[in-house]
Amino acid sequence: MKSSLSVLIITKNNEETIGGTLQSVMDFDEIVVVDSNSSDKTINIIQKSKVKSQKYNSKVKIYQKEFEDIGRQRAYGLKNVTEEWVLILDSDEIVSQKLKEEMLKRIHDDKNRFSAYEIPFQNYFLGRQLNYGGENYKMVRLFKKNAIEIKPSMVHNKMIVKSGKIGKLKSKIHHHSYRSIVQFYRKFTDYAIRTAQVKLEAGEKSSLKKIFLYPPHMFWARFIKDQGYKDGMFRIPLDFGFAYMEFLTYFLLFIYNQLLTPEVVFRALKRR
């Protein structure tokens, strides 16, 4: 059965995970990758997958675009997909066989009245499943190409469903975002820098209260209030990581507020 589905992935130095992501979607019609000038083996891995894709009669297309923000990268990629339906994936996400079957069943259903679908996530920390503490969420990731508008966004996905209704799928995307202590603290540092930039641009002010009270509240909200403890004590470093990200965000914002003009900050961040 022809899938009539394009997969859209953005990459930058994702040699550790991109191979598994590509393998999980190789039997779809088209895979569009927007790479931000990776300096590791990411492109080599994608190029090798193009050879494998011939076995599945799928197409792998690679586009290079200097990174501006997540939204603009995905919007650029969306312009280059050719199928009616689009699945957005991150380079550390895996599509299970059950999810493939569920998606294809929905998009080929003549009675389908939805133009977009929320998909639940199964997140992992150091290879172990997370089910509580803010890690059990859904996002719109499957949609008709012409039904969605992707907005610029420095940190998280911002998509507007312009037409039609949003349905819900049951099968999950498997997300391997937290693979090692060093990796996810590096990731949180990058998120904090970008989030501080967004908050500065929005005119938000930091304060000692935000710097010193918001981080412990973040840990409490994830591990206690949202019952992260039910996953087990192994996830404590992860929730401390979220507290660290909160601290760094408002600490950087405080420095920007006190010492720098927005123009100086934006120029400095663009040089990163």
Protein backbone atom coordinates (compact mmCIF):
# COMPACT_ATOMS: atom_id res chain seq x y z
CA MET A 1 0.00 0.00 0.00
CA LYS A 2 1.36 3.42 -0.94
CA SER A 3 1.76 5.43 2.24
CA SER A 4 1.27 8.95 0.81
CA LEU A 5 3.33 10.22 3.72
CA SER A 6 6.47 12.33 3.97
CA VAL A 7 8.71 12.37 7.04
CA LEU A 8 10.38 15.67 7.96
CA ILE A 9 13.49 15.66 10.17
CA ILE A 10 15.86 18.49 11.12
CA THR A 11 19.41 17.63 12.12
CA LYS A 12 22.64 19.08 13.44
CA ASN A 13 25.44 16.80 14.67
CA ASN A 14 23.14 13.88 15.45
CA GLU A 15 25.39 10.97 14.45
CA GLU A 16 24.50 9.13 17.66
CA THR A 17 20.78 8.80 16.92
CA ILE A 18 19.91 9.69 13.32
CA GLY A 19 20.54 6.17 11.99
CA GLY A 20 17.88 4.62 14.22
CA THR A 21 15.40 7.36 13.41
CA LEU A 22 15.84 6.92 9.66
CA GLN A 23 15.63 3.14 9.88
CA SER A 24 12.28 3.37 11.68
CA VAL A 25 10.67 5.34 8.81
CA MET A 26 12.52 3.95 5.80
CA ASP A 27 9.38 2.34 4.34
CA PHE A 28 7.49 5.63 3.98
CA ASP A 29 7.36 7.37 0.60
CA GLU A 30 9.67 10.26 1.32
CA ILE A 31 12.12 11.41 4.00
CA VAL A 32 13.11 15.08 3.92
CA VAL A 33 16.10 16.03 6.08
CA VAL A 34 17.01 19.66 6.75
CA ASP A 35 20.55 19.72 8.11
CA SER A 36 22.24 22.71 9.74
CA ASN A 37 25.79 22.16 8.49
CA SER A 38 26.60 19.17 10.67
CA SER A 39 30.33 18.70 11.34
CA ASP A 40 30.14 15.08 12.54
CA LYS A 41 29.08 11.93 10.66
CA THR A 42 25.39 12.86 10.42
CA ILE A 43 25.44 13.53 6.67
CA ASN A 44 27.44 10.37 5.96
CA ILE A 45 24.86 8.30 7.82
CA ILE A 46 22.00 9.96 5.92
CA GLN A 47 23.80 9.41 2.60
CA LYS A 48 24.19 5.71 3.38
CA SER A 49 20.49 5.53 4.22
CA LYS A 50 19.72 6.77 0.69
CA VAL A 51 21.22 3.56 -0.65
CA LYS A 52 19.17 1.45 1.76
CA SER A 53 16.02 3.38 0.87
CA GLN A 54 16.06 1.93 -2.65
CA LYS A 55 15.14 -1.40 -1.10
CA TYR A 56 11.95 0.18 0.23
CA ASN A 57 11.28 2.31 -2.85
CA SER A 58 11.40 5.44 -0.70
CA LYS A 59 13.18 8.72 -1.34
CA VAL A 60 15.64 10.43 1.02
CA LYS A 61 16.24 14.11 0.29
CA ILE A 62 18.84 16.25 2.07
CA TYR A 63 18.73 20.05 2.27
CA GLN A 64 21.27 22.32 3.94
CA LYS A 65 20.10 25.42 5.75
CA GLU A 66 21.96 27.49 8.33
CA PHE A 67 20.14 27.23 11.65
CA GLU A 68 17.93 30.18 12.59
CA ASP A 69 15.41 28.53 14.84
CA ILE A 70 13.51 25.24 15.05
CA GLY A 71 10.35 26.65 13.49
CA ARG A 72 12.07 28.16 10.46
CA GLN A 73 14.04 24.97 9.82
CA ARG A 74 10.85 22.90 9.81
CA ALA A 75 8.91 25.44 7.75
CA TYR A 76 11.67 25.31 5.14
CA GLY A 77 11.51 21.54 5.11
CA LEU A 78 7.73 21.57 4.82
CA LYS A 79 7.98 23.51 1.57
CA ASN A 80 10.02 20.67 0.10
CA VAL A 81 7.83 17.69 0.98
CA THR A 82 5.66 16.31 -1.80
CA GLU A 83 3.17 13.94 -0.15
CA GLU A 84 -0.25 14.93 1.21
CA TRP A 85 0.51 13.85 4.79
CA VAL A 86 3.57 14.82 6.84
CA LEU A 87 5.10 13.31 9.97
CA ILE A 88 7.53 15.52 11.89
CA LEU A 89 10.25 13.74 13.84
CA ASP A 90 13.26 14.82 15.86
CA SER A 91 16.54 13.06 15.16
CA ASP A 92 16.34 11.11 18.44
CA GLU A 93 12.81 9.74 17.93
CA ILE A 94 11.74 6.28 16.77
CA VAL A 95 8.47 5.26 15.11
CA SER A 96 7.22 1.86 16.25
CA GLN A 97 5.58 -0.64 13.91
CA LYS A 98 2.27 -0.16 15.75
CA LEU A 99 2.41 3.59 15.16
CA LYS A 100 3.19 3.07 11.47
CA GLU A 101 0.17 0.82 11.07
CA GLU A 102 -2.10 3.19 12.97
CA MET A 103 -1.01 6.22 10.95
CA LEU A 104 -1.45 4.48 7.61
CA LYS A 105 -4.87 3.19 8.61
CA ARG A 106 -6.00 6.70 9.50
CA ILE A 107 -4.66 8.54 6.47
CA HIS A 108 -6.11 5.96 4.06
CA ASP A 109 -9.52 5.90 5.70
CA ASP A 110 -12.03 7.45 3.29
CA LYS A 111 -14.15 8.51 6.28
CA ASN A 112 -11.26 10.29 7.99
CA ARG A 113 -12.45 13.74 9.10
CA PHE A 114 -9.23 14.92 10.74
CA SER A 115 -6.47 17.02 9.20
CA ALA A 116 -3.98 16.57 12.04
CA TYR A 117 -3.25 14.11 14.83
CA GLU A 118 -1.72 14.34 18.27
CA ILE A 119 0.72 11.52 18.99
CA PRO A 120 1.69 10.45 22.53
CA PHE A 121 5.35 10.12 23.51
CA GLN A 122 7.25 7.47 25.38
CA ASN A 123 10.30 9.18 26.81
CA TYR A 124 13.47 7.49 28.08
CA PHE A 125 16.15 8.50 30.57
CA LEU A 126 19.42 6.54 30.40
CA GLY A 127 17.55 3.86 28.48
CA ARG A 128 14.73 3.48 31.02
CA GLN A 129 11.10 4.44 30.44
CA LEU A 130 9.60 7.57 31.98
CA ASN A 131 5.84 7.69 32.59
CA TYR A 132 5.35 10.51 35.12
CA GLY A 133 6.70 13.92 36.06
CA GLY A 134 5.85 15.82 32.90
CA GLU A 135 7.09 13.13 30.52
CA ASN A 136 3.69 11.74 29.47
CA TYR A 137 2.52 14.23 26.85
CA LYS A 138 1.10 14.44 23.33
CA MET A 139 1.95 16.73 20.41
CA VAL A 140 0.62 17.34 16.91
CA ARG A 141 3.15 15.59 14.68
CA LEU A 142 1.06 14.06 11.88
CA PHE A 143 -0.90 16.39 9.60
CA LYS A 144 -1.94 17.28 6.09
CA LYS A 145 0.67 19.50 4.54
CA ASN A 146 -1.73 22.32 3.67
CA ALA A 147 -3.53 22.27 7.03
CA ILE A 148 -0.61 23.46 9.16
CA GLU A 149 1.36 26.67 9.64
CA ILE A 150 4.69 26.34 11.44
CA LYS A 151 5.68 29.43 13.41
CA PRO A 152 9.25 30.56 14.22
CA SER A 153 10.36 29.16 17.56
CA MET A 154 13.74 29.02 19.27
CA VAL A 155 12.98 26.14 21.65
CA HIS A 156 9.74 24.23 21.13
CA ASN A 157 7.47 23.43 18.21
CA LYS A 158 4.78 26.01 17.41
CA MET A 159 2.23 24.83 14.87
CA ILE A 160 -1.19 26.21 14.05
CA VAL A 161 -3.85 23.95 12.56
CA LYS A 162 -5.43 26.22 9.96
CA SER A 163 -8.22 23.89 8.86
CA GLY A 164 -9.91 20.70 9.95
CA LYS A 165 -10.07 18.90 13.26
CA ILE A 166 -7.35 17.36 15.42
CA GLY A 167 -7.57 13.66 16.20
CA LYS A 168 -5.61 11.52 18.65
CA LEU A 169 -3.51 8.44 18.01
CA LYS A 170 -2.86 5.72 20.59
CA SER A 171 0.54 4.35 19.57
CA LYS A 172 3.63 6.26 20.67
CA ILE A 173 6.75 7.94 19.36
CA HIS A 174 9.73 6.64 21.32
CA HIS A 175 11.88 9.60 22.33
CA HIS A 176 15.50 9.03 23.44
CA SER A 177 16.24 12.60 24.48
CA TYR A 178 18.14 11.94 27.73
CA ARG A 179 20.86 9.43 26.84
CA SER A 180 23.67 10.35 29.25
CA ILE A 181 24.27 12.82 32.08
CA VAL A 182 26.77 14.85 30.05
CA GLN A 183 24.56 14.85 26.94
CA PHE A 184 21.37 16.05 28.58
CA TYR A 185 23.08 18.71 30.73
CA ARG A 186 24.71 20.05 27.56
CA LYS A 187 21.27 20.03 25.95
CA PHE A 188 19.70 21.86 28.90
CA THR A 189 22.45 24.48 28.77
CA ASP A 190 21.67 25.16 25.13
CA TYR A 191 17.93 25.32 25.90
CA ALA A 192 18.55 27.78 28.73
CA ILE A 193 20.57 30.09 26.49
CA ARG A 194 17.86 30.08 23.83
CA THR A 195 15.01 30.44 26.32
CA ALA A 196 16.72 33.42 27.94
CA GLN A 197 16.97 35.01 24.50
CA VAL A 198 13.26 34.48 23.88
CA LYS A 199 12.36 35.96 27.26
CA LEU A 200 14.61 38.96 26.69
CA GLU A 201 13.04 39.60 23.31
CA ALA A 202 9.60 39.41 24.93
CA GLY A 203 10.62 42.06 27.47
CA GLU A 204 10.60 39.79 30.51
CA LYS A 205 12.68 40.80 33.54
CA SER A 206 14.55 38.43 35.79
CA SER A 207 14.84 38.77 39.56
CA LEU A 208 16.50 37.11 42.53
CA LYS A 209 13.19 35.40 43.27
CA LYS A 210 13.11 33.82 39.81
CA ILE A 211 16.77 32.82 40.00
CA PHE A 212 16.64 31.14 43.40
CA LEU A 213 13.01 30.06 43.90
CA TYR A 214 11.95 28.90 40.44
CA PRO A 215 14.57 26.09 40.19
CA PRO A 216 13.55 24.24 43.41
CA HIS A 217 9.91 24.74 42.46
CA MET A 218 10.65 23.12 39.08
CA PHE A 219 12.17 20.09 40.80
CA TRP A 220 9.23 19.85 43.23
CA ALA A 221 6.68 20.19 40.41
CA ARG A 222 8.23 17.39 38.35
CA PHE A 223 9.33 14.92 40.99
CA ILE A 224 6.64 15.43 43.67
CA LYS A 225 3.57 17.23 42.29
CA ASP A 226 3.55 15.40 38.93
CA GLN A 227 4.58 12.15 40.63
CA GLY A 228 7.92 11.67 38.94
CA TYR A 229 8.95 9.62 41.97
CA LYS A 230 6.71 6.82 40.66
CA ASP A 231 9.24 6.21 37.88
CA GLY A 232 11.93 5.60 40.50
CA MET A 233 14.80 7.39 42.18
CA PHE A 234 16.94 6.93 39.05
CA ARG A 235 15.27 9.98 37.50
CA ILE A 236 16.41 12.45 40.20
CA PRO A 237 19.40 13.66 38.10
CA LEU A 238 16.97 14.46 35.27
CA ASP A 239 14.71 16.59 37.45
CA PHE A 240 17.76 18.34 38.92
CA GLY A 241 18.68 19.01 35.30
CA PHE A 242 15.37 20.79 34.71
CA ALA A 243 15.99 22.83 37.87
CA TYR A 244 19.46 23.68 36.56
CA MET A 245 17.97 24.80 33.24
CA GLU A 246 15.50 27.03 35.07
CA PHE A 247 18.31 28.57 37.15
CA LEU A 248 20.56 29.19 34.15
CA THR A 249 17.72 30.71 32.12
CA TYR A 250 16.91 33.36 34.70
CA PHE A 251 20.54 33.90 35.69
CA LEU A 252 21.42 34.69 32.08
CA LEU A 253 18.32 36.82 31.70
CA PHE A 254 19.33 38.76 34.83
CA ILE A 255 22.77 39.48 33.36
CA TYR A 256 21.25 40.50 30.04
CA ASN A 257 18.80 42.81 31.84
CA GLN A 258 21.55 44.44 33.89
CA LEU A 259 24.51 44.70 31.56
CA LEU A 260 23.51 44.32 27.96
CA THR A 261 21.16 45.85 25.45
CA PRO A 262 18.99 43.42 23.46
CA GLU A 263 20.90 44.28 20.29
CA VAL A 264 24.24 43.27 21.82
CA VAL A 265 22.77 40.04 23.16
CA PHE A 266 21.19 39.03 19.86
CA ARG A 267 24.44 39.63 17.99
CA ALA A 268 26.38 37.57 20.50
CA LEU A 269 23.92 34.68 20.36
CA LYS A 270 23.87 34.66 16.56
CA ARG A 271 27.65 34.16 16.57
CA ARG A 272 27.29 30.91 18.56
